Amino acid sequence: MKPNIYLETTIVSYLTARPSRDIILAAHQQLTQEWWEARRKKFNLFVSQLVIQEAGSGDEQAAQKRLKQIEDISLLEVNKEAVLLARELIKENFLPQKATEDSLHIAVATVHGIVLI
């Protein structure tokens, strides 16, 4: 049985972005592309509406590339339980106030029992 993985928007961004001149970002992009080609089929992949929303924002051509990569990936519901958990993560200072979207990614993965990458 394949493990389930929730893909956060950063993965899709690294996968589709123009190669970076920054050596660290370039390494992240390369590792993401290698993982996508060689390993992603070993997992059941999931995203949420939040990932779709984030991937679809910004430059229109870049957004289309990101959305194309995730169009066939299963969608997890951003439910009330996830929203409440995300609020708690911020309230209890597990994440800073500015990380509200990140807290929601964590919460969606958590309430659905899925690993977040």
N, C-alpha and C. Protein backbone atom coordinates (compact mmCIF):
# COMPACT_ATOMS: atom_id res chain seq x y z
N MET A 1 0.83 -1.18 0.00
CA MET A 1 0.00 0.00 0.00
C MET A 1 0.88 1.26 0.00
N LYS A 2 0.56 2.19 -0.87
CA LYS A 2 1.35 3.41 -0.98
C LYS A 2 1.04 4.37 0.17
N PRO A 3 2.07 5.06 0.68
CA PRO A 3 1.82 6.09 1.70
C PRO A 3 1.12 7.30 1.06
N ASN A 4 0.34 7.99 1.88
CA ASN A 4 -0.35 9.20 1.45
C ASN A 4 0.48 10.43 1.80
N ILE A 5 0.56 11.37 0.86
CA ILE A 5 1.33 12.60 1.08
C ILE A 5 0.52 13.81 0.62
N TYR A 6 0.51 14.83 1.46
CA TYR A 6 -0.11 16.11 1.13
C TYR A 6 0.98 17.02 0.58
N LEU A 7 0.79 17.49 -0.64
CA LEU A 7 1.77 18.38 -1.27
C LEU A 7 1.42 19.83 -0.98
N GLU A 8 2.28 20.51 -0.31
CA GLU A 8 2.12 21.93 -0.05
C GLU A 8 2.57 22.68 -1.31
N THR A 9 2.14 23.90 -1.47
CA THR A 9 2.35 24.67 -2.70
C THR A 9 3.81 24.84 -3.07
N THR A 10 4.70 24.89 -2.10
CA THR A 10 6.12 25.08 -2.38
C THR A 10 6.66 24.00 -3.31
N ILE A 11 6.20 22.78 -3.14
CA ILE A 11 6.66 21.68 -3.99
C ILE A 11 6.32 21.96 -5.45
N VAL A 12 5.10 22.36 -5.69
CA VAL A 12 4.66 22.65 -7.05
C VAL A 12 5.41 23.86 -7.62
N SER A 13 5.67 24.83 -6.77
CA SER A 13 6.41 26.02 -7.21
C SER A 13 7.84 25.66 -7.61
N TYR A 14 8.51 24.87 -6.79
CA TYR A 14 9.87 24.44 -7.13
C TYR A 14 9.88 23.63 -8.43
N LEU A 15 8.86 22.84 -8.60
CA LEU A 15 8.77 21.97 -9.77
C LEU A 15 8.65 22.75 -11.07
N THR A 16 7.94 23.85 -11.05
CA THR A 16 7.61 24.55 -12.30
C THR A 16 8.34 25.87 -12.51
N ALA A 17 9.06 26.35 -11.52
CA ALA A 17 9.72 27.66 -11.62
C ALA A 17 10.91 27.63 -12.58
N ARG A 18 11.21 28.81 -13.12
CA ARG A 18 12.44 28.95 -13.91
C ARG A 18 13.62 28.63 -13.00
N PRO A 19 14.69 28.05 -13.54
CA PRO A 19 15.85 27.73 -12.70
C PRO A 19 16.37 28.98 -12.01
N SER A 20 16.60 28.84 -10.72
CA SER A 20 17.06 29.96 -9.91
C SER A 20 18.58 30.10 -9.99
N ARG A 21 19.05 31.32 -9.85
CA ARG A 21 20.49 31.57 -9.76
C ARG A 21 21.00 31.36 -8.34
N ASP A 22 20.08 31.43 -7.39
CA ASP A 22 20.42 31.19 -5.99
C ASP A 22 20.74 29.70 -5.83
N ILE A 23 21.89 29.39 -5.33
CA ILE A 23 22.35 28.00 -5.27
C ILE A 23 21.46 27.12 -4.39
N ILE A 24 20.95 27.67 -3.31
CA ILE A 24 20.07 26.90 -2.42
C ILE A 24 18.73 26.63 -3.10
N LEU A 25 18.14 27.67 -3.67
CA LEU A 25 16.87 27.48 -4.38
C LEU A 25 17.02 26.55 -5.57
N ALA A 26 18.12 26.69 -6.29
CA ALA A 26 18.38 25.81 -7.43
C ALA A 26 18.47 24.35 -6.98
N ALA A 27 19.10 24.13 -5.84
CA ALA A 27 19.19 22.77 -5.31
C ALA A 27 17.81 22.24 -4.93
N HIS A 28 16.99 23.08 -4.30
CA HIS A 28 15.62 22.66 -3.96
C HIS A 28 14.83 22.32 -5.21
N GLN A 29 14.99 23.14 -6.24
CA GLN A 29 14.29 22.88 -7.51
C GLN A 29 14.74 21.55 -8.11
N GLN A 30 16.03 21.33 -8.13
CA GLN A 30 16.55 20.11 -8.73
C GLN A 30 16.09 18.87 -7.96
N LEU A 31 16.19 18.92 -6.64
CA LEU A 31 15.75 17.78 -5.83
C LEU A 31 14.25 17.52 -6.00
N THR A 32 13.47 18.59 -6.08
CA THR A 32 12.03 18.43 -6.28
C THR A 32 11.74 17.80 -7.63
N GLN A 33 12.41 18.26 -8.67
CA GLN A 33 12.20 17.69 -10.01
C GLN A 33 12.63 16.23 -10.06
N GLU A 34 13.73 15.89 -9.42
CA GLU A 34 14.18 14.50 -9.39
C GLU A 34 13.17 13.62 -8.63
N TRP A 35 12.67 14.12 -7.50
CA TRP A 35 11.68 13.38 -6.73
C TRP A 35 10.42 13.18 -7.57
N TRP A 36 9.99 14.24 -8.23
CA TRP A 36 8.75 14.19 -9.03
C TRP A 36 8.86 13.12 -10.12
N GLU A 37 10.00 13.09 -10.79
CA GLU A 37 10.20 12.13 -11.88
C GLU A 37 10.40 10.70 -11.39
N ALA A 38 11.16 10.53 -10.32
CA ALA A 38 11.57 9.19 -9.93
C ALA A 38 10.75 8.57 -8.79
N ARG A 39 10.13 9.39 -7.95
CA ARG A 39 9.55 8.83 -6.73
C ARG A 39 8.07 9.10 -6.50
N ARG A 40 7.51 10.11 -7.11
CA ARG A 40 6.13 10.49 -6.78
C ARG A 40 5.12 9.37 -7.00
N LYS A 41 5.39 8.49 -7.93
CA LYS A 41 4.45 7.40 -8.22
C LYS A 41 4.41 6.35 -7.11
N LYS A 42 5.32 6.48 -6.17
CA LYS A 42 5.34 5.56 -5.04
C LYS A 42 4.41 6.03 -3.92
N PHE A 43 3.72 7.15 -4.14
CA PHE A 43 2.86 7.74 -3.13
C PHE A 43 1.49 8.09 -3.71
N ASN A 44 0.50 8.12 -2.84
CA ASN A 44 -0.80 8.70 -3.17
C ASN A 44 -0.70 10.17 -2.82
N LEU A 45 -0.85 11.04 -3.81
CA LEU A 45 -0.67 12.47 -3.61
C LEU A 45 -2.00 13.17 -3.38
N PHE A 46 -1.97 14.18 -2.51
CA PHE A 46 -3.14 14.97 -2.19
C PHE A 46 -2.77 16.44 -2.11
N VAL A 47 -3.72 17.29 -2.46
CA VAL A 47 -3.61 18.73 -2.26
C VAL A 47 -4.95 19.18 -1.66
N SER A 48 -5.01 20.45 -1.30
CA SER A 48 -6.27 21.02 -0.81
C SER A 48 -6.65 22.19 -1.71
N GLN A 49 -7.83 22.72 -1.48
CA GLN A 49 -8.25 23.91 -2.22
C GLN A 49 -7.30 25.06 -1.97
N LEU A 50 -6.70 25.11 -0.80
CA LEU A 50 -5.71 26.15 -0.50
C LEU A 50 -4.51 26.05 -1.43
N VAL A 51 -4.04 24.85 -1.70
CA VAL A 51 -2.93 24.66 -2.64
C VAL A 51 -3.34 25.13 -4.03
N ILE A 52 -4.53 24.78 -4.45
CA ILE A 52 -5.02 25.20 -5.77
C ILE A 52 -5.10 26.73 -5.84
N GLN A 53 -5.61 27.33 -4.78
CA GLN A 53 -5.72 28.79 -4.72
C GLN A 53 -4.34 29.45 -4.80
N GLU A 54 -3.41 28.97 -4.00
CA GLU A 54 -2.05 29.54 -4.00
C GLU A 54 -1.35 29.30 -5.34
N ALA A 55 -1.48 28.09 -5.87
CA ALA A 55 -0.83 27.76 -7.14
C ALA A 55 -1.39 28.58 -8.29
N GLY A 56 -2.65 28.96 -8.19
CA GLY A 56 -3.29 29.72 -9.25
C GLY A 56 -3.10 31.22 -9.17
N SER A 57 -2.39 31.68 -8.16
CA SER A 57 -2.18 33.12 -8.02
C SER A 57 -0.85 33.55 -8.65
N GLY A 58 -0.70 34.85 -8.83
CA GLY A 58 0.54 35.39 -9.39
C GLY A 58 0.52 35.42 -10.90
N ASP A 59 1.71 35.37 -11.47
CA ASP A 59 1.88 35.42 -12.92
C ASP A 59 1.01 34.35 -13.59
N GLU A 60 0.23 34.76 -14.59
CA GLU A 60 -0.74 33.85 -15.21
C GLU A 60 -0.09 32.63 -15.86
N GLN A 61 1.01 32.81 -16.57
CA GLN A 61 1.67 31.66 -17.22
C GLN A 61 2.25 30.71 -16.18
N ALA A 62 2.88 31.27 -15.16
CA ALA A 62 3.45 30.44 -14.10
C ALA A 62 2.34 29.70 -13.35
N ALA A 63 1.24 30.40 -13.10
CA ALA A 63 0.11 29.78 -12.41
C ALA A 63 -0.44 28.62 -13.22
N GLN A 64 -0.56 28.77 -14.52
CA GLN A 64 -1.07 27.69 -15.36
C GLN A 64 -0.16 26.46 -15.31
N LYS A 65 1.16 26.69 -15.28
CA LYS A 65 2.10 25.56 -15.16
C LYS A 65 1.91 24.83 -13.84
N ARG A 66 1.77 25.61 -12.75
CA ARG A 66 1.58 24.99 -11.44
C ARG A 66 0.27 24.20 -11.40
N LEU A 67 -0.80 24.81 -11.87
CA LEU A 67 -2.10 24.15 -11.85
C LEU A 67 -2.12 22.89 -12.72
N LYS A 68 -1.43 22.92 -13.82
CA LYS A 68 -1.35 21.76 -14.71
C LYS A 68 -0.73 20.56 -13.99
N GLN A 69 0.29 20.81 -13.18
CA GLN A 69 0.99 19.73 -12.48
C GLN A 69 0.11 19.06 -11.42
N ILE A 70 -0.85 19.80 -10.88
CA ILE A 70 -1.66 19.23 -9.79
C ILE A 70 -3.10 18.91 -10.20
N GLU A 71 -3.43 19.06 -11.48
CA GLU A 71 -4.81 18.90 -11.90
C GLU A 71 -5.39 17.50 -11.65
N ASP A 72 -4.57 16.48 -11.64
CA ASP A 72 -5.07 15.12 -11.45
C ASP A 72 -4.83 14.59 -10.03
N ILE A 73 -4.40 15.45 -9.14
CA ILE A 73 -4.10 15.03 -7.77
C ILE A 73 -5.38 15.13 -6.93
N SER A 74 -5.58 14.15 -6.07
CA SER A 74 -6.78 14.10 -5.23
C SER A 74 -6.86 15.30 -4.30
N LEU A 75 -8.07 15.73 -4.05
CA LEU A 75 -8.33 16.93 -3.27
C LEU A 75 -8.83 16.58 -1.87
N LEU A 76 -8.19 17.16 -0.85
CA LEU A 76 -8.63 17.02 0.53
C LEU A 76 -9.48 18.23 0.90
N GLU A 77 -10.51 17.99 1.68
CA GLU A 77 -11.40 19.06 2.10
C GLU A 77 -10.75 19.92 3.19
N VAL A 78 -10.89 21.22 3.05
CA VAL A 78 -10.52 22.15 4.12
C VAL A 78 -11.78 22.28 4.97
N ASN A 79 -11.89 21.42 5.97
CA ASN A 79 -13.12 21.36 6.76
C ASN A 79 -13.01 22.20 8.03
N LYS A 80 -14.11 22.23 8.76
CA LYS A 80 -14.18 23.03 9.99
C LYS A 80 -13.12 22.60 10.99
N GLU A 81 -12.90 21.30 11.12
CA GLU A 81 -11.90 20.78 12.05
C GLU A 81 -10.51 21.30 11.70
N ALA A 82 -10.19 21.35 10.42
CA ALA A 82 -8.88 21.86 9.99
C ALA A 82 -8.74 23.35 10.29
N VAL A 83 -9.80 24.10 10.04
CA VAL A 83 -9.76 25.54 10.32
C VAL A 83 -9.57 25.80 11.81
N LEU A 84 -10.27 25.06 12.65
CA LEU A 84 -10.13 25.22 14.10
C LEU A 84 -8.73 24.84 14.56
N LEU A 85 -8.19 23.76 14.03
CA LEU A 85 -6.83 23.36 14.39
C LEU A 85 -5.82 24.41 13.95
N ALA A 86 -5.98 24.94 12.75
CA ALA A 86 -5.06 25.98 12.25
C ALA A 86 -5.08 27.19 13.18
N ARG A 87 -6.26 27.58 13.62
CA ARG A 87 -6.36 28.71 14.56
C ARG A 87 -5.64 28.41 15.87
N GLU A 88 -5.79 27.19 16.35
CA GLU A 88 -5.12 26.80 17.59
C GLU A 88 -3.59 26.83 17.44
N LEU A 89 -3.10 26.39 16.31
CA LEU A 89 -1.65 26.40 16.07
C LEU A 89 -1.09 27.82 16.17
N ILE A 90 -1.85 28.78 15.67
CA ILE A 90 -1.43 30.18 15.75
C ILE A 90 -1.63 30.71 17.17
N LYS A 91 -2.80 30.45 17.74
CA LYS A 91 -3.13 30.94 19.08
C LYS A 91 -2.12 30.47 20.12
N GLU A 92 -1.71 29.22 20.02
CA GLU A 92 -0.77 28.64 20.99
C GLU A 92 0.69 28.90 20.63
N ASN A 93 0.91 29.73 19.60
CA ASN A 93 2.25 30.14 19.18
C ASN A 93 3.13 29.00 18.68
N PHE A 94 2.49 27.95 18.14
CA PHE A 94 3.28 26.92 17.48
C PHE A 94 3.83 27.44 16.16
N LEU A 95 3.11 28.40 15.60
CA LEU A 95 3.53 29.09 14.38
C LEU A 95 3.27 30.58 14.59
N PRO A 96 4.06 31.44 13.93
CA PRO A 96 3.83 32.88 14.08
C PRO A 96 2.53 33.31 13.40
N GLN A 97 1.99 34.45 13.82
CA GLN A 97 0.74 34.98 13.29
C GLN A 97 0.77 35.08 11.76
N LYS A 98 1.94 35.42 11.20
CA LYS A 98 2.03 35.59 9.74
C LYS A 98 1.96 34.27 8.98
N ALA A 99 1.96 33.15 9.68
CA ALA A 99 1.97 31.83 9.04
C ALA A 99 0.58 31.19 9.03
N THR A 100 -0.45 31.98 8.89
CA THR A 100 -1.80 31.42 8.95
C THR A 100 -2.07 30.41 7.82
N GLU A 101 -1.58 30.70 6.61
CA GLU A 101 -1.79 29.73 5.52
C GLU A 101 -1.00 28.46 5.77
N ASP A 102 0.22 28.60 6.28
CA ASP A 102 1.01 27.41 6.60
C ASP A 102 0.31 26.57 7.67
N SER A 103 -0.27 27.25 8.66
CA SER A 103 -0.99 26.51 9.71
C SER A 103 -2.16 25.73 9.13
N LEU A 104 -2.80 26.30 8.11
CA LEU A 104 -3.93 25.59 7.49
C LEU A 104 -3.45 24.38 6.69
N HIS A 105 -2.31 24.49 6.01
CA HIS A 105 -1.75 23.31 5.32
C HIS A 105 -1.48 22.20 6.34
N ILE A 106 -0.84 22.55 7.43
CA ILE A 106 -0.51 21.57 8.48
C ILE A 106 -1.80 20.95 9.03
N ALA A 107 -2.78 21.79 9.28
CA ALA A 107 -4.03 21.31 9.85
C ALA A 107 -4.79 20.38 8.90
N VAL A 108 -4.84 20.73 7.63
CA VAL A 108 -5.54 19.89 6.65
C VAL A 108 -4.88 18.51 6.60
N ALA A 109 -3.57 18.49 6.50
CA ALA A 109 -2.86 17.21 6.47
C ALA A 109 -3.12 16.42 7.76
N THR A 110 -3.07 17.09 8.88
CA THR A 110 -3.23 16.44 10.17
C THR A 110 -4.62 15.82 10.33
N VAL A 111 -5.66 16.59 10.06
CA VAL A 111 -7.01 16.05 10.27
C VAL A 111 -7.35 14.93 9.31
N HIS A 112 -6.66 14.88 8.19
CA HIS A 112 -6.88 13.78 7.24
C HIS A 112 -5.87 12.63 7.43
N GLY A 113 -4.98 12.79 8.42
CA GLY A 113 -4.02 11.72 8.74
C GLY A 113 -2.99 11.49 7.66
N ILE A 114 -2.53 12.58 7.05
CA ILE A 114 -1.62 12.47 5.92
C ILE A 114 -0.32 13.22 6.21
N VAL A 115 0.79 12.69 5.74
CA VAL A 115 2.09 13.33 5.89
C VAL A 115 2.14 14.57 5.00
N LEU A 116 2.71 15.64 5.51
CA LEU A 116 2.83 16.90 4.79
C LEU A 116 4.24 17.05 4.26
N ILE A 117 4.37 17.33 2.94
CA ILE A 117 5.68 17.69 2.40
C ILE A 117 5.53 18.94 1.55
